[in-house]
């Protein structure tokens, strides 16, 4: 499990195709690095600021063991330390801490260094993501 935060920039991918009056905000915030989480997870107020559209629901298990149904929204253009990916977001209750989970970490090819409390680029691809295709 991650125990540190990283700064991230996010915007709604659909803003590329919508008139400016319908754009969500570009949001910059700290995300808790959590390799125990699967996906990007954002509190409802961030989902609203980005103007993300819900397109599905999924069941999730919280860190406390509770099972709940959450909306799946997206798609988010996510940038962390110069690396980018596009991912769906799980909507969390208001006031919760946003999480950066395993899927976007893998897509951006980041390795977690819990001792240094930071993300490290894959040593095989220090200049950008190198994704396995097999």
C-alpha atoms as a PDB file:
ATOM      1  CA  UNK A   1       0.000   0.000   0.000  1.00  0.00           C
ATOM      2  CA  UNK A   2       1.174   3.512  -0.764  1.00  0.00           C
ATOM      3  CA  UNK A   3       1.459   6.014   2.038  1.00  0.00           C
ATOM      4  CA  UNK A   4       2.317   9.242   0.215  1.00  0.00           C
ATOM      5  CA  UNK A   5       0.760  11.737  -2.166  1.00  0.00           C
ATOM      6  CA  UNK A   6       1.685  13.096  -5.569  1.00  0.00           C
ATOM      7  CA  UNK A   7       0.503  16.190  -7.395  1.00  0.00           C
ATOM      8  CA  UNK A   8      -1.686  15.524 -10.432  1.00  0.00           C
ATOM      9  CA  UNK A   9      -3.467  17.469 -13.155  1.00  0.00           C
ATOM     10  CA  UNK A  10      -6.783  16.212 -14.488  1.00  0.00           C
ATOM     11  CA  UNK A  11      -9.301  17.203 -17.105  1.00  0.00           C
ATOM     12  CA  UNK A  12     -12.297  15.639 -18.774  1.00  0.00           C
ATOM     13  CA  UNK A  13     -11.335  13.927 -22.043  1.00  0.00           C
ATOM     14  CA  UNK A  14     -14.720  14.895 -23.509  1.00  0.00           C
ATOM     15  CA  UNK A  15     -13.759  18.580 -23.227  1.00  0.00           C
ATOM     16  CA  UNK A  16     -11.776  18.026 -26.436  1.00  0.00           C
ATOM     17  CA  UNK A  17     -15.097  17.539 -28.258  1.00  0.00           C
ATOM     18  CA  UNK A  18     -17.452  19.896 -26.413  1.00  0.00           C
ATOM     19  CA  UNK A  19     -18.013  23.626 -26.835  1.00  0.00           C
ATOM     20  CA  UNK A  20     -15.992  25.682 -24.310  1.00  0.00           C
ATOM     21  CA  UNK A  21     -19.155  26.640 -22.410  1.00  0.00           C
ATOM     22  CA  UNK A  22     -19.631  22.948 -21.506  1.00  0.00           C
ATOM     23  CA  UNK A  23     -16.063  22.280 -20.347  1.00  0.00           C
ATOM     24  CA  UNK A  24     -15.285  21.138 -16.844  1.00  0.00           C
ATOM     25  CA  UNK A  25     -12.470  22.682 -14.867  1.00  0.00           C
ATOM     26  CA  UNK A  26      -8.889  21.533 -15.118  1.00  0.00           C
ATOM     27  CA  UNK A  27      -8.223  20.249 -11.613  1.00  0.00           C
ATOM     28  CA  UNK A  28      -4.865  20.057  -9.887  1.00  0.00           C
ATOM     29  CA  UNK A  29      -4.758  18.170  -6.592  1.00  0.00           C
ATOM     30  CA  UNK A  30      -2.813  15.720  -4.467  1.00  0.00           C
ATOM     31  CA  UNK A  31      -3.625  12.035  -5.004  1.00  0.00           C
ATOM     32  CA  UNK A  32      -2.772   9.408  -2.425  1.00  0.00           C
ATOM     33  CA  UNK A  33      -0.673   6.697  -4.070  1.00  0.00           C
ATOM     34  CA  UNK A  34      -2.442   3.461  -3.199  1.00  0.00           C
ATOM     35  CA  UNK A  35      -1.309   0.286  -4.922  1.00  0.00           C
ATOM     36  CA  UNK A  36      -4.100  -1.523  -3.067  1.00  0.00           C
ATOM     37  CA  UNK A  37      -6.659   0.474  -5.071  1.00  0.00           C
ATOM     38  CA  UNK A  38      -7.263  -0.628  -8.648  1.00  0.00           C
ATOM     39  CA  UNK A  39      -8.345   2.596 -10.322  1.00  0.00           C
ATOM     40  CA  UNK A  40      -8.276   6.348 -10.041  1.00  0.00           C
ATOM     41  CA  UNK A  41     -10.853   7.247  -7.382  1.00  0.00           C
ATOM     42  CA  UNK A  42     -12.133  10.809  -6.965  1.00  0.00           C
ATOM     43  CA  UNK A  43     -14.494  12.430  -4.459  1.00  0.00           C
ATOM     44  CA  UNK A  44     -17.849  13.562  -5.830  1.00  0.00           C
ATOM     45  CA  UNK A  45     -16.903  17.247  -5.685  1.00  0.00           C
ATOM     46  CA  UNK A  46     -13.926  16.626  -8.003  1.00  0.00           C
ATOM     47  CA  UNK A  47     -16.093  14.577 -10.384  1.00  0.00           C
ATOM     48  CA  UNK A  48     -18.488  17.544 -10.516  1.00  0.00           C
ATOM     49  CA  UNK A  49     -15.716  20.088 -11.111  1.00  0.00           C
ATOM     50  CA  UNK A  50     -14.416  17.995 -14.026  1.00  0.00           C
ATOM     51  CA  UNK A  51     -17.989  17.515 -15.315  1.00  0.00           C
ATOM     52  CA  UNK A  52     -17.418  13.783 -15.670  1.00  0.00           C
ATOM     53  CA  UNK A  53     -20.362  11.718 -16.873  1.00  0.00           C
ATOM     54  CA  UNK A  54     -21.288   8.514 -15.044  1.00  0.00           C
ATOM     55  CA  UNK A  55     -21.518   5.552 -17.427  1.00  0.00           C
ATOM     56  CA  UNK A  56     -21.622   2.522 -15.129  1.00  0.00           C
ATOM     57  CA  UNK A  57     -21.601   1.361 -11.534  1.00  0.00           C
ATOM     58  CA  UNK A  58     -19.301  -1.071  -9.792  1.00  0.00           C
ATOM     59  CA  UNK A  59     -18.988  -2.657  -6.386  1.00  0.00           C
ATOM     60  CA  UNK A  60     -15.915  -1.707  -4.389  1.00  0.00           C
ATOM     61  CA  UNK A  61     -14.409  -2.884  -1.116  1.00  0.00           C
ATOM     62  CA  UNK A  62     -13.113  -0.059   1.072  1.00  0.00           C
ATOM     63  CA  UNK A  63      -9.946  -0.150   3.176  1.00  0.00           C
ATOM     64  CA  UNK A  64     -12.244  -0.843   6.154  1.00  0.00           C
ATOM     65  CA  UNK A  65     -13.762  -3.904   4.452  1.00  0.00           C
ATOM     66  CA  UNK A  66     -17.165  -2.388   3.640  1.00  0.00           C
ATOM     67  CA  UNK A  67     -18.666  -3.207   0.228  1.00  0.00           C
ATOM     68  CA  UNK A  68     -20.510  -0.412  -1.548  1.00  0.00           C
ATOM     69  CA  UNK A  69     -21.707   0.456  -5.014  1.00  0.00           C
ATOM     70  CA  UNK A  70     -20.018   3.424  -6.687  1.00  0.00           C
ATOM     71  CA  UNK A  71     -20.481   5.206  -9.972  1.00  0.00           C
ATOM     72  CA  UNK A  72     -17.872   4.860 -12.707  1.00  0.00           C
ATOM     73  CA  UNK A  73     -17.273   8.166 -14.489  1.00  0.00           C
ATOM     74  CA  UNK A  74     -14.978   9.434 -17.130  1.00  0.00           C
ATOM     75  CA  UNK A  75     -12.890   9.564 -18.980  1.00  0.00           C
ATOM     76  CA  UNK A  76     -10.127  11.496 -17.151  1.00  0.00           C
ATOM     77  CA  UNK A  77      -6.963  12.790 -18.794  1.00  0.00           C
ATOM     78  CA  UNK A  78      -4.498  12.375 -15.948  1.00  0.00           C
ATOM     79  CA  UNK A  79      -0.960  13.756 -15.702  1.00  0.00           C
ATOM     80  CA  UNK A  80       1.469  12.859 -12.930  1.00  0.00           C
ATOM     81  CA  UNK A  81       5.031  14.170 -13.009  1.00  0.00           C
ATOM     82  CA  UNK A  82       4.967  14.650 -16.781  1.00  0.00           C
ATOM     83  CA  UNK A  83       3.494  11.248 -17.651  1.00  0.00           C
ATOM     84  CA  UNK A  84      -0.066  10.985 -18.946  1.00  0.00           C
ATOM     85  CA  UNK A  85      -2.843   8.455 -19.344  1.00  0.00           C
ATOM     86  CA  UNK A  86      -6.601   8.366 -19.886  1.00  0.00           C
ATOM     87  CA  UNK A  87      -8.618   6.407 -17.317  1.00  0.00           C
ATOM     88  CA  UNK A  88     -12.074   6.009 -15.871  1.00  0.00           C
ATOM     89  CA  UNK A  89     -12.658   7.248 -12.324  1.00  0.00           C
ATOM     90  CA  UNK A  90     -14.550   5.668  -9.459  1.00  0.00           C
ATOM     91  CA  UNK A  91     -16.684   8.287  -7.711  1.00  0.00           C
ATOM     92  CA  UNK A  92     -16.113   8.407  -3.951  1.00  0.00           C
ATOM     93  CA  UNK A  93     -18.284  10.127  -1.323  1.00  0.00           C
ATOM     94  CA  UNK A  94     -17.767  13.854  -0.765  1.00  0.00           C
ATOM     95  CA  UNK A  95     -14.864  14.789   1.436  1.00  0.00           C
ATOM     96  CA  UNK A  96     -12.867  11.604   0.848  1.00  0.00           C
ATOM     97  CA  UNK A  97      -9.277  11.599  -0.268  1.00  0.00           C
ATOM     98  CA  UNK A  98      -8.580  10.989  -3.979  1.00  0.00           C
ATOM     99  CA  UNK A  99      -6.628   7.802  -4.747  1.00  0.00           C
ATOM    100  CA  UNK A 100      -4.179   6.926  -7.495  1.00  0.00           C
ATOM    101  CA  UNK A 101      -4.479   3.167  -7.970  1.00  0.00           C
ATOM    102  CA  UNK A 102      -2.624   0.419  -9.783  1.00  0.00           C
ATOM    103  CA  UNK A 103      -4.144   0.759 -13.279  1.00  0.00           C
ATOM    104  CA  UNK A 104      -3.128   4.373 -13.948  1.00  0.00           C
ATOM    105  CA  UNK A 105       0.230   3.776 -12.227  1.00  0.00           C
ATOM    106  CA  UNK A 106       0.871   0.891 -14.648  1.00  0.00           C
ATOM    107  CA  UNK A 107      -0.329   2.902 -17.651  1.00  0.00           C
ATOM    108  CA  UNK A 108       2.120   5.687 -16.791  1.00  0.00           C
ATOM    109  CA  UNK A 109       4.817   3.079 -15.998  1.00  0.00           C
ATOM    110  CA  UNK A 110       5.543   4.339 -12.487  1.00  0.00           C
ATOM    111  CA  UNK A 111       7.158   2.217  -9.793  1.00  0.00           C
ATOM    112  CA  UNK A 112       6.368   2.948  -6.149  1.00  0.00           C
ATOM    113  CA  UNK A 113       9.228   3.553  -3.720  1.00  0.00           C
ATOM    114  CA  UNK A 114       7.601   3.352  -0.269  1.00  0.00           C
ATOM    115  CA  UNK A 115      10.919   3.991   1.500  1.00  0.00           C
ATOM    116  CA  UNK A 116      11.578   7.185  -0.453  1.00  0.00           C
ATOM    117  CA  UNK A 117       7.851   8.020  -0.567  1.00  0.00           C
ATOM    118  CA  UNK A 118       7.883   8.833  -4.242  1.00  0.00           C
ATOM    119  CA  UNK A 119       7.187   7.472  -7.696  1.00  0.00           C
ATOM    120  CA  UNK A 120      10.146   6.297  -9.736  1.00  0.00           C
ATOM    121  CA  UNK A 121      10.187   5.793 -13.499  1.00  0.00           C
ATOM    122  CA  UNK A 122      10.624   2.261 -14.740  1.00  0.00           C
ATOM    123  CA  UNK A 123      14.425   1.828 -15.022  1.00  0.00           C
ATOM    124  CA  UNK A 124      13.892   0.243 -18.454  1.00  0.00           C
ATOM    125  CA  UNK A 125      12.156   3.407 -19.694  1.00  0.00           C
ATOM    126  CA  UNK A 126      13.252   6.462 -17.725  1.00  0.00           C
ATOM    127  CA  UNK A 127      12.148   8.901 -20.437  1.00  0.00           C
ATOM    128  CA  UNK A 128       8.542   7.731 -20.749  1.00  0.00           C
ATOM    129  CA  UNK A 129       6.185   4.802 -20.354  1.00  0.00           C
ATOM    130  CA  UNK A 130       7.096   1.447 -21.872  1.00  0.00           C
ATOM    131  CA  UNK A 131       3.947  -0.664 -21.875  1.00  0.00           C
ATOM    132  CA  UNK A 132       3.976  -4.452 -22.212  1.00  0.00           C
ATOM    133  CA  UNK A 133       1.987  -5.701 -25.232  1.00  0.00           C
ATOM    134  CA  UNK A 134       1.796  -9.469 -24.913  1.00  0.00           C
END
